[in-house]
């Protein structure tokens, strides 16, 4: 890894998942919790970044997706817990 490479920016040549993340193609498929986690994580790192940094565009698109989901009355914007697998007794 290049010492000058920004750790916030995914490498689009490394994998399909990082390619989708680099070009912000994965945003609509994020779970609600993943969306808010990434948004809060990136907001904290915006301080001191140049105005054309990749993270600023990503935060803008994440905020737009959040507004779209909150404006949709059919979208259930609650924490979605995973179901316990059958056969496991709690």
PDB file of N, CA and C in Angstrom:
ATOM      1  N   UNK A   1       0.854  -1.182   0.000  1.00  0.00           N
ATOM      2  CA  UNK A   1       0.000   0.000   0.000  1.00  0.00           C
ATOM      3  C   UNK A   1       0.892   1.236   0.000  1.00  0.00           C
ATOM      4  N   UNK A   2       0.563   2.157  -0.855  1.00  0.00           N
ATOM      5  CA  UNK A   2       1.296   3.396  -0.977  1.00  0.00           C
ATOM      6  C   UNK A   2       1.086   4.229   0.290  1.00  0.00           C
ATOM      7  N   UNK A   3       2.169   4.797   0.825  1.00  0.00           N
ATOM      8  CA  UNK A   3       2.019   5.556   2.070  1.00  0.00           C
ATOM      9  C   UNK A   3       1.237   6.844   1.869  1.00  0.00           C
ATOM     10  N   UNK A   4       1.085   7.272   0.628  1.00  0.00           N
ATOM     11  CA  UNK A   4       0.330   8.491   0.348  1.00  0.00           C
ATOM     12  C   UNK A   4      -1.126   8.203  -0.014  1.00  0.00           C
ATOM     13  N   UNK A   5      -1.493   6.936  -0.084  1.00  0.00           N
ATOM     14  CA  UNK A   5      -2.869   6.578  -0.414  1.00  0.00           C
ATOM     15  C   UNK A   5      -3.779   6.891   0.777  1.00  0.00           C
ATOM     16  N   UNK A   6      -4.894   7.482   0.493  1.00  0.00           N
ATOM     17  CA  UNK A   6      -5.865   7.832   1.526  1.00  0.00           C
ATOM     18  C   UNK A   6      -6.590   6.572   1.991  1.00  0.00           C
ATOM     19  N   UNK A   7      -6.636   6.351   3.297  1.00  0.00           N
ATOM     20  CA  UNK A   7      -7.260   5.141   3.842  1.00  0.00           C
ATOM     21  C   UNK A   7      -8.779   5.156   3.703  1.00  0.00           C
ATOM     22  N   UNK A   8      -9.390   6.338   3.549  1.00  0.00           N
ATOM     23  CA  UNK A   8     -10.838   6.418   3.424  1.00  0.00           C
ATOM     24  C   UNK A   8     -11.331   6.009   2.040  1.00  0.00           C
ATOM     25  N   UNK A   9     -10.475   6.128   1.034  1.00  0.00           N
ATOM     26  CA  UNK A   9     -10.886   5.859  -0.340  1.00  0.00           C
ATOM     27  C   UNK A   9     -10.656   4.392  -0.669  1.00  0.00           C
ATOM     28  N   UNK A  10     -11.698   3.669  -1.084  1.00  0.00           N
ATOM     29  CA  UNK A  10     -11.515   2.265  -1.454  1.00  0.00           C
ATOM     30  C   UNK A  10     -10.758   2.143  -2.771  1.00  0.00           C
ATOM     31  N   UNK A  11     -10.074   1.028  -2.949  1.00  0.00           N
ATOM     32  CA  UNK A  11      -9.327   0.763  -4.171  1.00  0.00           C
ATOM     33  C   UNK A  11     -10.257   0.026  -5.133  1.00  0.00           C
ATOM     34  N   UNK A  12     -10.691   0.667  -6.230  1.00  0.00           N
ATOM     35  CA  UNK A  12     -11.659   0.023  -7.122  1.00  0.00           C
ATOM     36  C   UNK A  12     -11.105  -1.179  -7.876  1.00  0.00           C
ATOM     37  N   UNK A  13      -9.798  -1.348  -7.896  1.00  0.00           N
ATOM     38  CA  UNK A  13      -9.198  -2.480  -8.599  1.00  0.00           C
ATOM     39  C   UNK A  13      -9.025  -3.696  -7.701  1.00  0.00           C
ATOM     40  N   UNK A  14      -9.242  -3.533  -6.415  1.00  0.00           N
ATOM     41  CA  UNK A  14      -9.003  -4.629  -5.476  1.00  0.00           C
ATOM     42  C   UNK A  14     -10.113  -5.676  -5.497  1.00  0.00           C
ATOM     43  N   UNK A  15     -11.365  -5.243  -5.584  1.00  0.00           N
ATOM     44  CA  UNK A  15     -12.480  -6.193  -5.580  1.00  0.00           C
ATOM     45  C   UNK A  15     -13.723  -5.520  -6.149  1.00  0.00           C
ATOM     46  N   UNK A  16     -14.719  -6.349  -6.441  1.00  0.00           N
ATOM     47  CA  UNK A  16     -15.991  -5.812  -6.944  1.00  0.00           C
ATOM     48  C   UNK A  16     -16.687  -4.966  -5.887  1.00  0.00           C
ATOM     49  N   UNK A  17     -16.588  -5.398  -4.640  1.00  0.00           N
ATOM     50  CA  UNK A  17     -17.233  -4.653  -3.555  1.00  0.00           C
ATOM     51  C   UNK A  17     -16.616  -3.262  -3.406  1.00  0.00           C
ATOM     52  N   UNK A  18     -15.294  -3.164  -3.478  1.00  0.00           N
ATOM     53  CA  UNK A  18     -14.652  -1.855  -3.370  1.00  0.00           C
ATOM     54  C   UNK A  18     -14.920  -1.003  -4.605  1.00  0.00           C
ATOM     55  N   UNK A  19     -15.055  -1.640  -5.769  1.00  0.00           N
ATOM     56  CA  UNK A  19     -15.407  -0.907  -6.992  1.00  0.00           C
ATOM     57  C   UNK A  19     -16.777  -0.250  -6.827  1.00  0.00           C
ATOM     58  N   UNK A  20     -17.750  -1.038  -6.347  1.00  0.00           N
ATOM     59  CA  UNK A  20     -19.092  -0.496  -6.133  1.00  0.00           C
ATOM     60  C   UNK A  20     -19.084   0.604  -5.088  1.00  0.00           C
ATOM     61  N   UNK A  21     -18.290   0.450  -4.059  1.00  0.00           N
ATOM     62  CA  UNK A  21     -18.216   1.475  -3.003  1.00  0.00           C
ATOM     63  C   UNK A  21     -17.542   2.739  -3.530  1.00  0.00           C
ATOM     64  N   UNK A  22     -16.488   2.579  -4.341  1.00  0.00           N
ATOM     65  CA  UNK A  22     -15.765   3.735  -4.883  1.00  0.00           C
ATOM     66  C   UNK A  22     -16.683   4.595  -5.744  1.00  0.00           C
ATOM     67  N   UNK A  23     -17.503   3.946  -6.561  1.00  0.00           N
ATOM     68  CA  UNK A  23     -18.413   4.679  -7.441  1.00  0.00           C
ATOM     69  C   UNK A  23     -19.801   4.878  -6.825  1.00  0.00           C
ATOM     70  N   UNK A  24     -19.945   4.591  -5.553  1.00  0.00           N
ATOM     71  CA  UNK A  24     -21.173   4.800  -4.778  1.00  0.00           C
ATOM     72  C   UNK A  24     -22.367   4.051  -5.369  1.00  0.00           C
ATOM     73  N   UNK A  25     -22.122   2.884  -5.925  1.00  0.00           N
ATOM     74  CA  UNK A  25     -23.183   2.066  -6.497  1.00  0.00           C
ATOM     75  C   UNK A  25     -23.854   1.192  -5.446  1.00  0.00           C
ATOM     76  N   UNK A  26     -23.256   1.106  -4.273  1.00  0.00           N
ATOM     77  CA  UNK A  26     -23.748   0.216  -3.222  1.00  0.00           C
ATOM     78  C   UNK A  26     -24.706   0.892  -2.245  1.00  0.00           C
ATOM     79  N   UNK A  27     -24.901   2.174  -2.368  1.00  0.00           N
ATOM     80  CA  UNK A  27     -25.649   2.923  -1.355  1.00  0.00           C
ATOM     81  C   UNK A  27     -27.102   2.460  -1.242  1.00  0.00           C
ATOM     82  N   UNK A  28     -27.750   2.227  -2.366  1.00  0.00           N
ATOM     83  CA  UNK A  28     -29.162   1.830  -2.301  1.00  0.00           C
ATOM     84  C   UNK A  28     -29.340   0.442  -1.694  1.00  0.00           C
ATOM     85  N   UNK A  29     -28.302  -0.375  -1.690  1.00  0.00           N
ATOM     86  CA  UNK A  29     -28.398  -1.713  -1.125  1.00  0.00           C
ATOM     87  C   UNK A  29     -27.988  -1.816   0.329  1.00  0.00           C
ATOM     88  N   UNK A  30     -27.552  -0.721   0.930  1.00  0.00           N
ATOM     89  CA  UNK A  30     -27.129  -0.747   2.328  1.00  0.00           C
ATOM     90  C   UNK A  30     -28.329  -0.885   3.252  1.00  0.00           C
ATOM     91  N   UNK A  31     -28.159  -1.641   4.311  1.00  0.00           N
ATOM     92  CA  UNK A  31     -29.175  -1.711   5.360  1.00  0.00           C
ATOM     93  C   UNK A  31     -29.220  -0.358   6.075  1.00  0.00           C
ATOM     94  N   UNK A  32     -30.305  -0.091   6.777  1.00  0.00           N
ATOM     95  CA  UNK A  32     -30.452   1.188   7.473  1.00  0.00           C
ATOM     96  C   UNK A  32     -29.326   1.425   8.474  1.00  0.00           C
ATOM     97  N   UNK A  33     -28.980   0.389   9.216  1.00  0.00           N
ATOM     98  CA  UNK A  33     -27.933   0.524  10.225  1.00  0.00           C
ATOM     99  C   UNK A  33     -26.566   0.767   9.574  1.00  0.00           C
ATOM    100  N   UNK A  34     -26.288   0.073   8.485  1.00  0.00           N
ATOM    101  CA  UNK A  34     -25.028   0.276   7.765  1.00  0.00           C
ATOM    102  C   UNK A  34     -24.952   1.691   7.211  1.00  0.00           C
ATOM    103  N   UNK A  35     -26.066   2.188   6.716  1.00  0.00           N
ATOM    104  CA  UNK A  35     -26.128   3.535   6.160  1.00  0.00           C
ATOM    105  C   UNK A  35     -25.818   4.585   7.223  1.00  0.00           C
ATOM    106  N   UNK A  36     -26.469   4.485   8.373  1.00  0.00           N
ATOM    107  CA  UNK A  36     -26.226   5.473   9.425  1.00  0.00           C
ATOM    108  C   UNK A  36     -24.827   5.326  10.023  1.00  0.00           C
ATOM    109  N   UNK A  37     -24.344   4.091  10.148  1.00  0.00           N
ATOM    110  CA  UNK A  37     -22.987   3.888  10.674  1.00  0.00           C
ATOM    111  C   UNK A  37     -21.943   4.523   9.771  1.00  0.00           C
ATOM    112  N   UNK A  38     -22.053   4.273   8.474  1.00  0.00           N
ATOM    113  CA  UNK A  38     -21.064   4.836   7.553  1.00  0.00           C
ATOM    114  C   UNK A  38     -21.174   6.349   7.477  1.00  0.00           C
ATOM    115  N   UNK A  39     -22.385   6.852   7.501  1.00  0.00           N
ATOM    116  CA  UNK A  39     -22.587   8.299   7.460  1.00  0.00           C
ATOM    117  C   UNK A  39     -21.954   8.973   8.672  1.00  0.00           C
ATOM    118  N   UNK A  40     -22.203   8.439   9.857  1.00  0.00           N
ATOM    119  CA  UNK A  40     -21.612   9.014  11.068  1.00  0.00           C
ATOM    120  C   UNK A  40     -20.093   8.865  11.088  1.00  0.00           C
ATOM    121  N   UNK A  41     -19.580   7.748  10.577  1.00  0.00           N
ATOM    122  CA  UNK A  41     -18.135   7.535  10.536  1.00  0.00           C
ATOM    123  C   UNK A  41     -17.466   8.544   9.604  1.00  0.00           C
ATOM    124  N   UNK A  42     -18.023   8.713   8.414  1.00  0.00           N
ATOM    125  CA  UNK A  42     -17.392   9.609   7.446  1.00  0.00           C
ATOM    126  C   UNK A  42     -17.531  11.076   7.836  1.00  0.00           C
ATOM    127  N   UNK A  43     -18.651  11.449   8.447  1.00  0.00           N
ATOM    128  CA  UNK A  43     -18.818  12.845   8.871  1.00  0.00           C
ATOM    129  C   UNK A  43     -17.706  13.279   9.816  1.00  0.00           C
ATOM    130  N   UNK A  44     -17.299  12.381  10.682  1.00  0.00           N
ATOM    131  CA  UNK A  44     -16.242  12.718  11.644  1.00  0.00           C
ATOM    132  C   UNK A  44     -14.894  12.930  10.970  1.00  0.00           C
ATOM    133  N   UNK A  45     -14.713  12.393   9.775  1.00  0.00           N
ATOM    134  CA  UNK A  45     -13.424  12.505   9.087  1.00  0.00           C
ATOM    135  C   UNK A  45     -13.386  13.616   8.037  1.00  0.00           C
ATOM    136  N   UNK A  46     -14.455  14.369   7.886  1.00  0.00           N
ATOM    137  CA  UNK A  46     -14.486  15.415   6.867  1.00  0.00           C
ATOM    138  C   UNK A  46     -13.647  16.635   7.225  1.00  0.00           C
ATOM    139  N   UNK A  47     -13.400  16.819   8.501  1.00  0.00           N
ATOM    140  CA  UNK A  47     -12.672  17.996   8.939  1.00  0.00           C
ATOM    141  C   UNK A  47     -11.282  18.032   8.302  1.00  0.00           C
ATOM    142  N   UNK A  48     -10.981  19.106   7.618  1.00  0.00           N
ATOM    143  CA  UNK A  48      -9.659  19.296   7.036  1.00  0.00           C
ATOM    144  C   UNK A  48      -9.464  18.660   5.668  1.00  0.00           C
ATOM    145  N   UNK A  49     -10.467  17.964   5.154  1.00  0.00           N
ATOM    146  CA  UNK A  49     -10.332  17.375   3.824  1.00  0.00           C
ATOM    147  C   UNK A  49     -10.597  18.428   2.757  1.00  0.00           C
ATOM    148  N   UNK A  50      -9.962  18.302   1.594  1.00  0.00           N
ATOM    149  CA  UNK A  50     -10.229  19.266   0.526  1.00  0.00           C
ATOM    150  C   UNK A  50     -11.682  19.174   0.039  1.00  0.00           C
ATOM    151  N   UNK A  51     -12.193  20.244  -0.564  1.00  0.00           N
ATOM    152  CA  UNK A  51     -13.600  20.263  -0.971  1.00  0.00           C
ATOM    153  C   UNK A  51     -13.963  19.220  -2.031  1.00  0.00           C
ATOM    154  N   UNK A  52     -13.001  18.719  -2.775  1.00  0.00           N
ATOM    155  CA  UNK A  52     -13.307  17.750  -3.830  1.00  0.00           C
ATOM    156  C   UNK A  52     -12.920  16.328  -3.424  1.00  0.00           C
ATOM    157  N   UNK A  53     -12.801  16.071  -2.157  1.00  0.00           N
ATOM    158  CA  UNK A  53     -12.414  14.742  -1.673  1.00  0.00           C
ATOM    159  C   UNK A  53     -13.549  13.744  -1.887  1.00  0.00           C
ATOM    160  N   UNK A  54     -13.191  12.488  -2.115  1.00  0.00           N
ATOM    161  CA  UNK A  54     -14.157  11.416  -2.354  1.00  0.00           C
ATOM    162  C   UNK A  54     -15.141  11.283  -1.198  1.00  0.00           C
ATOM    163  N   UNK A  55     -14.681  11.430   0.027  1.00  0.00           N
ATOM    164  CA  UNK A  55     -15.537  11.236   1.202  1.00  0.00           C
ATOM    165  C   UNK A  55     -16.666  12.273   1.255  1.00  0.00           C
ATOM    166  N   UNK A  56     -16.413  13.488   0.780  1.00  0.00           N
ATOM    167  CA  UNK A  56     -17.464  14.514   0.780  1.00  0.00           C
ATOM    168  C   UNK A  56     -18.606  14.142  -0.160  1.00  0.00           C
ATOM    169  N   UNK A  57     -18.281  13.614  -1.326  1.00  0.00           N
ATOM    170  CA  UNK A  57     -19.320  13.170  -2.259  1.00  0.00           C
ATOM    171  C   UNK A  57     -20.083  11.991  -1.678  1.00  0.00           C
ATOM    172  N   UNK A  58     -19.360  11.082  -1.041  1.00  0.00           N
ATOM    173  CA  UNK A  58     -20.000   9.900  -0.442  1.00  0.00           C
ATOM    174  C   UNK A  58     -20.975  10.318   0.658  1.00  0.00           C
ATOM    175  N   UNK A  59     -20.570  11.264   1.502  1.00  0.00           N
ATOM    176  CA  UNK A  59     -21.446  11.749   2.579  1.00  0.00           C
ATOM    177  C   UNK A  59     -22.688  12.410   1.987  1.00  0.00           C
ATOM    178  N   UNK A  60     -22.515  13.196   0.941  1.00  0.00           N
ATOM    179  CA  UNK A  60     -23.658  13.840   0.292  1.00  0.00           C
ATOM    180  C   UNK A  60     -24.644  12.793  -0.223  1.00  0.00           C
ATOM    181  N   UNK A  61     -24.134  11.754  -0.893  1.00  0.00           N
ATOM    182  CA  UNK A  61     -25.009  10.719  -1.437  1.00  0.00           C
ATOM    183  C   UNK A  61     -25.659   9.879  -0.335  1.00  0.00           C
ATOM    184  N   UNK A  62     -24.939   9.636   0.752  1.00  0.00           N
ATOM    185  CA  UNK A  62     -25.527   8.913   1.885  1.00  0.00           C
ATOM    186  C   UNK A  62     -26.651   9.728   2.526  1.00  0.00           C
ATOM    187  N   UNK A  63     -26.442  11.039   2.657  1.00  0.00           N
ATOM    188  CA  UNK A  63     -27.484  11.900   3.214  1.00  0.00           C
ATOM    189  C   UNK A  63     -28.712  11.937   2.309  1.00  0.00           C
ATOM    190  N   UNK A  64     -28.495  11.972   1.004  1.00  0.00           N
ATOM    191  CA  UNK A  64     -29.623  11.964   0.066  1.00  0.00           C
ATOM    192  C   UNK A  64     -30.409  10.657   0.153  1.00  0.00           C
ATOM    193  N   UNK A  65     -29.695   9.541   0.289  1.00  0.00           N
ATOM    194  CA  UNK A  65     -30.369   8.250   0.446  1.00  0.00           C
ATOM    195  C   UNK A  65     -31.159   8.213   1.750  1.00  0.00           C
ATOM    196  N   UNK A  66     -30.601   8.798   2.810  1.00  0.00           N
ATOM    197  CA  UNK A  66     -31.296   8.847   4.095  1.00  0.00           C
ATOM    198  C   UNK A  66     -32.578   9.676   3.975  1.00  0.00           C
ATOM    199  N   UNK A  67     -32.513  10.822   3.298  1.00  0.00           N
ATOM    200  CA  UNK A  67     -33.703  11.654   3.102  1.00  0.00           C
ATOM    201  C   UNK A  67     -34.752  10.913   2.280  1.00  0.00           C
ATOM    202  N   UNK A  68     -34.287  10.184   1.269  1.00  0.00           N
ATOM    203  CA  UNK A  68     -35.210   9.444   0.419  1.00  0.00           C
ATOM    204  C   UNK A  68     -35.931   8.360   1.216  1.00  0.00           C
ATOM    205  N   UNK A  69     -35.196   7.676   2.066  1.00  0.00           N
ATOM    206  CA  UNK A  69     -35.811   6.616   2.874  1.00  0.00           C
ATOM    207  C   UNK A  69     -36.751   7.192   3.922  1.00  0.00           C
ATOM    208  N   UNK A  70     -36.396   8.305   4.528  1.00  0.00           N
ATOM    209  CA  UNK A  70     -37.270   8.910   5.544  1.00  0.00           C
ATOM    210  C   UNK A  70     -38.520   9.503   4.920  1.00  0.00           C
ATOM    211  N   UNK A  71     -38.425   9.946   3.664  1.00  0.00           N
ATOM    212  CA  UNK A  71     -39.574  10.527   2.985  1.00  0.00           C
ATOM    213  C   UNK A  71     -40.529   9.496   2.425  1.00  0.00           C
ATOM    214  N   UNK A  72     -40.101   8.254   2.369  1.00  0.00           N
ATOM    215  CA  UNK A  72     -40.945   7.193   1.833  1.00  0.00           C
ATOM    216  C   UNK A  72     -41.784   6.599   2.965  1.00  0.00           C
ATOM    217  N   UNK A  73     -43.103   6.772   2.934  1.00  0.00           N
ATOM    218  CA  UNK A  73     -43.927   6.247   4.039  1.00  0.00           C
ATOM    219  C   UNK A  73     -43.943   4.723   4.104  1.00  0.00           C
ATOM    220  N   UNK A  74     -43.602   4.054   3.021  1.00  0.00           N
ATOM    221  CA  UNK A  74     -43.606   2.588   3.018  1.00  0.00           C
ATOM    222  C   UNK A  74     -42.325   1.995   3.586  1.00  0.00           C
ATOM    223  N   UNK A  75     -41.284   2.815   3.720  1.00  0.00           N
ATOM    224  CA  UNK A  75     -40.014   2.296   4.233  1.00  0.00           C
ATOM    225  C   UNK A  75     -40.052   2.246   5.757  1.00  0.00           C
ATOM    226  N   UNK A  76     -39.780   1.095   6.302  1.00  0.00           N
ATOM    227  CA  UNK A  76     -39.763   0.904   7.753  1.00  0.00           C
ATOM    228  C   UNK A  76     -38.361   1.243   8.247  1.00  0.00           C
ATOM    229  N   UNK A  77     -38.184   2.438   8.805  1.00  0.00           N
ATOM    230  CA  UNK A  77     -36.861   2.931   9.189  1.00  0.00           C
ATOM    231  C   UNK A  77     -36.573   2.624  10.655  1.00  0.00           C
ATOM    232  N   UNK A  78     -36.720   1.385  11.023  1.00  0.00           N
ATOM    233  CA  UNK A  78     -36.383   0.946  12.369  1.00  0.00           C
ATOM    234  C   UNK A  78     -35.214  -0.013  12.288  1.00  0.00           C
ATOM    235  N   UNK A  79     -34.611  -0.261  13.418  1.00  0.00           N
ATOM    236  CA  UNK A  79     -33.515  -1.220  13.458  1.00  0.00           C
ATOM    237  C   UNK A  79     -34.075  -2.592  13.106  1.00  0.00           C
ATOM    238  N   UNK A  80     -33.472  -3.224  12.131  1.00  0.00           N
ATOM    239  CA  UNK A  80     -33.932  -4.530  11.706  1.00  0.00           C
ATOM    240  C   UNK A  80     -32.989  -5.585  12.265  1.00  0.00           C
ATOM    241  N   UNK A  81     -33.483  -6.300  13.251  1.00  0.00           N
ATOM    242  CA  UNK A  81     -32.680  -7.329  13.881  1.00  0.00           C
ATOM    243  C   UNK A  81     -32.707  -8.590  13.029  1.00  0.00           C
ATOM    244  N   UNK A  82     -31.610  -9.292  13.022  1.00  0.00           N
ATOM    245  CA  UNK A  82     -31.575 -10.544  12.278  1.00  0.00           C
ATOM    246  C   UNK A  82     -32.339 -11.605  13.055  1.00  0.00           C
ATOM    247  N   UNK A  83     -32.940 -12.513  12.348  1.00  0.00           N
ATOM    248  CA  UNK A  83     -33.722 -13.568  12.977  1.00  0.00           C
ATOM    249  C   UNK A  83     -32.786 -14.661  13.483  1.00  0.00           C
ATOM    250  N   UNK A  84     -33.129 -15.219  14.589  1.00  0.00           N
ATOM    251  CA  UNK A  84     -32.353 -16.331  15.146  1.00  0.00           C
ATOM    252  C   UNK A  84     -32.614 -17.553  14.290  1.00  0.00           C
ATOM    253  N   UNK A  85     -31.561 -18.280  13.990  1.00  0.00           N
ATOM    254  CA  UNK A  85     -31.700 -19.463  13.149  1.00  0.00           C
ATOM    255  C   UNK A  85     -32.554 -20.513  13.841  1.00  0.00           C
ATOM    256  N   UNK A  86     -33.273 -21.258  13.015  1.00  0.00           N
ATOM    257  CA  UNK A  86     -34.118 -22.309  13.560  1.00  0.00           C
ATOM    258  C   UNK A  86     -33.243 -23.375  14.215  1.00  0.00           C
ATOM    259  N   UNK A  87     -33.718 -23.924  15.274  1.00  0.00           N
ATOM    260  CA  UNK A  87     -32.964 -24.976  15.951  1.00  0.00           C
ATOM    261  C   UNK A  87     -32.115 -24.467  17.106  1.00  0.00           C
ATOM    262  N   UNK A  88     -31.948 -23.151  17.188  1.00  0.00           N
ATOM    263  CA  UNK A  88     -31.171 -22.587  18.285  1.00  0.00           C
ATOM    264  C   UNK A  88     -32.153 -22.125  19.358  1.00  0.00           C
ATOM    265  N   UNK A  89     -31.995 -22.611  20.534  1.00  0.00           N
ATOM    266  CA  UNK A  89     -32.858 -22.237  21.653  1.00  0.00           C
ATOM    267  C   UNK A  89     -32.153 -21.160  22.476  1.00  0.00           C
ATOM    268  N   UNK A  90     -32.877 -20.127  22.762  1.00  0.00           N
ATOM    269  CA  UNK A  90     -32.305 -19.032  23.557  1.00  0.00           C
ATOM    270  C   UNK A  90     -32.888 -19.073  24.941  1.00  0.00           C
TER     271      UNK A  90
END
